[in-house]
Amino acid sequence: MAITRDDVAQVALLSRLEMTDDELGKYSEQLSDILEYASMLNELDIEGVEPTMHAVPIKNVFREDEVRESLDIEKVLKSAPESEGNYFRVPRIIDESEGH
C-alpha cells in the first residue's frame, strides 16, 4: 500500500502540523516503506500457532496485602530534616494569597 502526499497532507491538516512540500514527499515515502515492510508479516506461515495477547507470560507481581509491623515513627522522623509532631515538615509550595 502506498501512502500519497495527499494522505500525509490530510493527516498533517488534521493534526494541525505545517509541512513543506519536501517533508510531504519524504514522509509519504517513509510511511509507504514502513507499510511495505509490515506487509511482509502476511507472508509468514502461522499455521498451528496459538494466538497470544503477550509475547511472554505475565503474572501478577503484587504481593499479598498482609498486616506487618510498621517502621518506628521516632526513628523515621530522626532522619527527616524537619518534623512537627508525628509528621514530616516540608516547605510550603502553595501561596494561599493567590486565592486558589
N, C-alpha and C. Protein backbone atom coordinates (compact mmCIF):
# COMPACT_ATOMS: atom_id res chain seq x y z
N MET A 1 0.85 -1.18 0.00
CA MET A 1 0.00 0.00 0.00
C MET A 1 0.89 1.23 0.00
N ALA A 2 0.62 2.13 -0.88
CA ALA A 2 1.41 3.35 -0.98
C ALA A 2 0.67 4.50 -0.31
N ILE A 3 1.39 5.25 0.46
CA ILE A 3 0.86 6.46 1.10
C ILE A 3 1.21 7.63 0.19
N THR A 4 0.22 8.38 -0.20
CA THR A 4 0.45 9.50 -1.11
C THR A 4 0.75 10.78 -0.34
N ARG A 5 1.24 11.76 -1.09
CA ARG A 5 1.48 13.08 -0.49
C ARG A 5 0.17 13.65 0.05
N ASP A 6 -0.93 13.39 -0.68
CA ASP A 6 -2.24 13.89 -0.24
C ASP A 6 -2.65 13.24 1.09
N ASP A 7 -2.34 11.95 1.24
CA ASP A 7 -2.64 11.27 2.51
C ASP A 7 -1.90 11.95 3.66
N VAL A 8 -0.61 12.19 3.46
CA VAL A 8 0.21 12.83 4.50
C VAL A 8 -0.28 14.25 4.76
N ALA A 9 -0.64 14.96 3.70
CA ALA A 9 -1.14 16.33 3.86
C ALA A 9 -2.43 16.35 4.66
N GLN A 10 -3.31 15.36 4.43
CA GLN A 10 -4.58 15.29 5.16
C GLN A 10 -4.34 15.02 6.64
N VAL A 11 -3.45 14.08 6.94
CA VAL A 11 -3.14 13.78 8.34
C VAL A 11 -2.48 14.99 9.00
N ALA A 12 -1.60 15.66 8.29
CA ALA A 12 -0.95 16.86 8.83
C ALA A 12 -1.98 17.93 9.13
N LEU A 13 -2.95 18.09 8.24
CA LEU A 13 -4.00 19.09 8.44
C LEU A 13 -4.82 18.74 9.69
N LEU A 14 -5.21 17.47 9.81
CA LEU A 14 -5.99 17.05 10.97
C LEU A 14 -5.20 17.17 12.27
N SER A 15 -3.88 17.01 12.17
CA SER A 15 -3.01 17.10 13.34
C SER A 15 -2.53 18.52 13.59
N ARG A 16 -2.93 19.41 12.72
CA ARG A 16 -2.52 20.82 12.80
C ARG A 16 -0.99 20.96 12.74
N LEU A 17 -0.40 20.23 11.80
CA LEU A 17 1.04 20.31 11.57
C LEU A 17 1.29 20.99 10.24
N GLU A 18 2.25 21.90 10.23
CA GLU A 18 2.66 22.51 8.96
C GLU A 18 3.77 21.68 8.36
N MET A 19 3.66 21.38 7.05
CA MET A 19 4.69 20.61 6.38
C MET A 19 5.02 21.25 5.04
N THR A 20 6.30 21.24 4.72
CA THR A 20 6.75 21.73 3.42
C THR A 20 6.51 20.64 2.38
N ASP A 21 6.63 21.01 1.09
CA ASP A 21 6.50 20.01 0.03
C ASP A 21 7.55 18.92 0.17
N ASP A 22 8.77 19.32 0.55
CA ASP A 22 9.83 18.32 0.75
C ASP A 22 9.45 17.34 1.85
N GLU A 23 8.89 17.83 2.95
CA GLU A 23 8.50 16.97 4.06
C GLU A 23 7.37 16.03 3.65
N LEU A 24 6.40 16.54 2.89
CA LEU A 24 5.30 15.69 2.43
C LEU A 24 5.83 14.53 1.59
N GLY A 25 6.78 14.82 0.71
CA GLY A 25 7.38 13.78 -0.12
C GLY A 25 8.17 12.79 0.72
N LYS A 26 8.98 13.32 1.63
CA LYS A 26 9.81 12.48 2.49
C LYS A 26 8.97 11.55 3.34
N TYR A 27 7.93 12.09 4.01
CA TYR A 27 7.12 11.28 4.91
C TYR A 27 6.22 10.30 4.17
N SER A 28 5.72 10.68 2.99
CA SER A 28 4.90 9.73 2.24
C SER A 28 5.76 8.54 1.80
N GLU A 29 7.00 8.79 1.44
CA GLU A 29 7.91 7.71 1.06
C GLU A 29 8.25 6.84 2.27
N GLN A 30 8.57 7.46 3.39
CA GLN A 30 8.93 6.70 4.59
C GLN A 30 7.75 5.86 5.08
N LEU A 31 6.56 6.43 5.12
CA LEU A 31 5.39 5.69 5.58
C LEU A 31 5.05 4.54 4.64
N SER A 32 5.21 4.74 3.34
CA SER A 32 4.98 3.67 2.38
C SER A 32 5.97 2.54 2.61
N ASP A 33 7.23 2.89 2.87
CA ASP A 33 8.25 1.87 3.15
C ASP A 33 7.91 1.08 4.41
N ILE A 34 7.43 1.76 5.43
CA ILE A 34 7.07 1.09 6.69
C ILE A 34 5.93 0.11 6.44
N LEU A 35 4.90 0.54 5.72
CA LEU A 35 3.77 -0.34 5.45
C LEU A 35 4.18 -1.52 4.59
N GLU A 36 5.06 -1.30 3.63
CA GLU A 36 5.55 -2.39 2.78
C GLU A 36 6.32 -3.40 3.63
N TYR A 37 7.14 -2.92 4.53
CA TYR A 37 7.90 -3.81 5.41
C TYR A 37 6.96 -4.61 6.31
N ALA A 38 5.95 -3.93 6.87
CA ALA A 38 5.00 -4.60 7.75
C ALA A 38 4.16 -5.62 6.99
N SER A 39 3.90 -5.39 5.72
CA SER A 39 3.09 -6.34 4.94
C SER A 39 3.82 -7.66 4.74
N MET A 40 5.12 -7.69 4.95
CA MET A 40 5.87 -8.95 4.85
C MET A 40 5.40 -9.94 5.91
N LEU A 41 4.79 -9.47 6.98
CA LEU A 41 4.26 -10.36 8.01
C LEU A 41 3.17 -11.26 7.46
N ASN A 42 2.46 -10.79 6.42
CA ASN A 42 1.41 -11.61 5.81
C ASN A 42 1.98 -12.85 5.12
N GLU A 43 3.25 -12.85 4.83
CA GLU A 43 3.88 -13.97 4.14
C GLU A 43 4.32 -15.08 5.11
N LEU A 44 4.26 -14.82 6.41
CA LEU A 44 4.69 -15.81 7.39
C LEU A 44 3.69 -16.95 7.50
N ASP A 45 4.21 -18.18 7.66
CA ASP A 45 3.37 -19.34 7.88
C ASP A 45 3.07 -19.42 9.37
N ILE A 46 1.82 -19.17 9.73
CA ILE A 46 1.44 -19.20 11.14
C ILE A 46 0.47 -20.34 11.43
N GLU A 47 0.42 -21.30 10.55
CA GLU A 47 -0.44 -22.47 10.75
C GLU A 47 -0.07 -23.16 12.06
N GLY A 48 -1.04 -23.37 12.93
CA GLY A 48 -0.82 -24.06 14.19
C GLY A 48 -0.26 -23.19 15.30
N VAL A 49 -0.05 -21.92 15.05
CA VAL A 49 0.47 -21.01 16.09
C VAL A 49 -0.71 -20.46 16.87
N GLU A 50 -0.69 -20.72 18.16
CA GLU A 50 -1.77 -20.24 19.02
C GLU A 50 -1.72 -18.72 19.15
N PRO A 51 -2.86 -18.04 19.06
CA PRO A 51 -2.86 -16.59 19.28
C PRO A 51 -2.48 -16.27 20.72
N THR A 52 -1.76 -15.19 20.92
CA THR A 52 -1.37 -14.76 22.26
C THR A 52 -1.65 -13.28 22.42
N MET A 53 -1.82 -12.89 23.67
CA MET A 53 -2.01 -11.48 23.97
C MET A 53 -0.68 -10.81 24.24
N HIS A 54 0.29 -11.60 24.74
CA HIS A 54 1.60 -11.07 25.09
C HIS A 54 2.66 -12.05 24.61
N ALA A 55 3.81 -11.54 24.28
CA ALA A 55 4.90 -12.39 23.80
C ALA A 55 5.50 -13.25 24.90
N VAL A 56 5.40 -12.79 26.13
CA VAL A 56 5.94 -13.55 27.26
C VAL A 56 4.83 -13.71 28.29
N PRO A 57 4.89 -14.78 29.08
CA PRO A 57 3.85 -14.96 30.11
C PRO A 57 3.88 -13.82 31.12
N ILE A 58 2.71 -13.44 31.55
CA ILE A 58 2.60 -12.35 32.53
C ILE A 58 1.94 -12.91 33.79
N LYS A 59 2.48 -12.52 34.93
CA LYS A 59 1.86 -12.90 36.19
C LYS A 59 1.76 -11.67 37.07
N ASN A 60 0.86 -11.73 38.01
CA ASN A 60 0.67 -10.62 38.93
C ASN A 60 1.91 -10.52 39.82
N VAL A 61 2.51 -9.35 39.86
CA VAL A 61 3.73 -9.17 40.66
C VAL A 61 3.45 -8.55 42.02
N PHE A 62 2.19 -8.33 42.33
CA PHE A 62 1.86 -7.74 43.61
C PHE A 62 1.91 -8.80 44.71
N ARG A 63 2.39 -8.41 45.86
CA ARG A 63 2.41 -9.34 46.98
C ARG A 63 1.05 -9.31 47.66
N GLU A 64 0.80 -10.31 48.46
CA GLU A 64 -0.44 -10.35 49.23
C GLU A 64 -0.45 -9.17 50.20
N ASP A 65 -1.60 -8.60 50.42
CA ASP A 65 -1.74 -7.48 51.35
C ASP A 65 -1.89 -8.07 52.75
N GLU A 66 -0.84 -7.95 53.53
CA GLU A 66 -0.89 -8.51 54.87
C GLU A 66 -0.37 -7.49 55.88
N VAL A 67 -0.92 -7.55 57.07
CA VAL A 67 -0.52 -6.64 58.14
C VAL A 67 0.89 -7.01 58.58
N ARG A 68 1.75 -6.01 58.64
CA ARG A 68 3.12 -6.22 59.11
C ARG A 68 3.47 -5.11 60.09
N GLU A 69 4.55 -5.31 60.80
CA GLU A 69 4.99 -4.30 61.75
C GLU A 69 5.45 -3.06 60.97
N SER A 70 5.02 -1.90 61.43
CA SER A 70 5.39 -0.65 60.77
C SER A 70 6.75 -0.16 61.25
N LEU A 71 7.30 0.80 60.54
CA LEU A 71 8.55 1.42 60.96
C LEU A 71 8.30 2.22 62.24
N ASP A 72 9.30 2.32 63.06
CA ASP A 72 9.20 3.10 64.28
C ASP A 72 9.18 4.58 63.91
N ILE A 73 8.11 5.27 64.29
CA ILE A 73 7.91 6.67 63.90
C ILE A 73 9.05 7.56 64.39
N GLU A 74 9.55 7.32 65.58
CA GLU A 74 10.63 8.16 66.11
C GLU A 74 11.91 7.99 65.29
N LYS A 75 12.23 6.77 64.91
CA LYS A 75 13.42 6.53 64.09
C LYS A 75 13.29 7.19 62.72
N VAL A 76 12.10 7.06 62.15
CA VAL A 76 11.86 7.64 60.82
C VAL A 76 12.00 9.15 60.87
N LEU A 77 11.39 9.77 61.85
CA LEU A 77 11.42 11.23 61.94
C LEU A 77 12.81 11.76 62.30
N LYS A 78 13.67 10.95 62.91
CA LYS A 78 15.04 11.38 63.19
C LYS A 78 15.83 11.62 61.91
N SER A 79 15.46 10.92 60.83
CA SER A 79 16.19 11.09 59.57
C SER A 79 15.63 12.23 58.73
N ALA A 80 14.52 12.82 59.15
CA ALA A 80 13.91 13.92 58.41
C ALA A 80 14.60 15.24 58.76
N PRO A 81 14.77 16.13 57.79
CA PRO A 81 15.37 17.43 58.08
C PRO A 81 14.56 18.21 59.12
N GLU A 82 13.21 18.13 58.99
CA GLU A 82 12.34 18.80 59.95
C GLU A 82 11.10 17.95 60.17
N SER A 83 10.58 17.99 61.40
CA SER A 83 9.33 17.29 61.69
C SER A 83 8.50 18.15 62.62
N GLU A 84 7.22 17.82 62.66
CA GLU A 84 6.30 18.53 63.55
C GLU A 84 5.31 17.49 64.06
N GLY A 85 5.37 17.18 65.34
CA GLY A 85 4.53 16.10 65.87
C GLY A 85 4.98 14.79 65.24
N ASN A 86 4.04 14.05 64.73
CA ASN A 86 4.35 12.78 64.06
C ASN A 86 4.39 12.92 62.54
N TYR A 87 4.68 14.13 62.03
CA TYR A 87 4.64 14.38 60.60
C TYR A 87 5.96 14.97 60.11
N PHE A 88 6.24 14.76 58.83
CA PHE A 88 7.37 15.44 58.18
C PHE A 88 6.95 16.89 57.94
N ARG A 89 7.86 17.80 58.17
CA ARG A 89 7.59 19.20 57.86
C ARG A 89 8.31 19.52 56.57
N VAL A 90 7.54 20.05 55.61
CA VAL A 90 8.10 20.36 54.29
C VAL A 90 7.79 21.82 53.95
N PRO A 91 8.56 22.42 53.05
CA PRO A 91 8.31 23.82 52.68
C PRO A 91 6.94 23.98 52.01
N ARG A 92 6.31 25.11 52.27
CA ARG A 92 5.03 25.42 51.64
C ARG A 92 5.27 25.63 50.14
N ILE A 93 4.41 25.02 49.33
CA ILE A 93 4.56 25.19 47.88
C ILE A 93 3.37 25.91 47.26
N ILE A 94 2.32 26.13 48.04
CA ILE A 94 1.13 26.82 47.53
C ILE A 94 1.01 28.13 48.28
N ASP A 95 0.91 29.19 47.50
CA ASP A 95 0.76 30.52 48.10
C ASP A 95 -0.72 30.80 48.26
N GLU A 96 -1.20 30.80 49.49
CA GLU A 96 -2.64 30.99 49.75
C GLU A 96 -3.10 32.38 49.40
N SER A 97 -2.20 33.35 49.29
CA SER A 97 -2.61 34.73 48.97
C SER A 97 -3.07 34.87 47.52
N GLU A 98 -2.81 33.86 46.68
CA GLU A 98 -3.23 33.93 45.27
C GLU A 98 -4.69 33.63 45.10
N GLY A 99 -5.37 33.18 46.17
CA GLY A 99 -6.80 32.97 46.13
C GLY A 99 -7.25 31.73 45.39
N HIS A 100 -6.44 30.70 45.38
CA HIS A 100 -6.83 29.44 44.70
C HIS A 100 -7.67 28.59 45.59
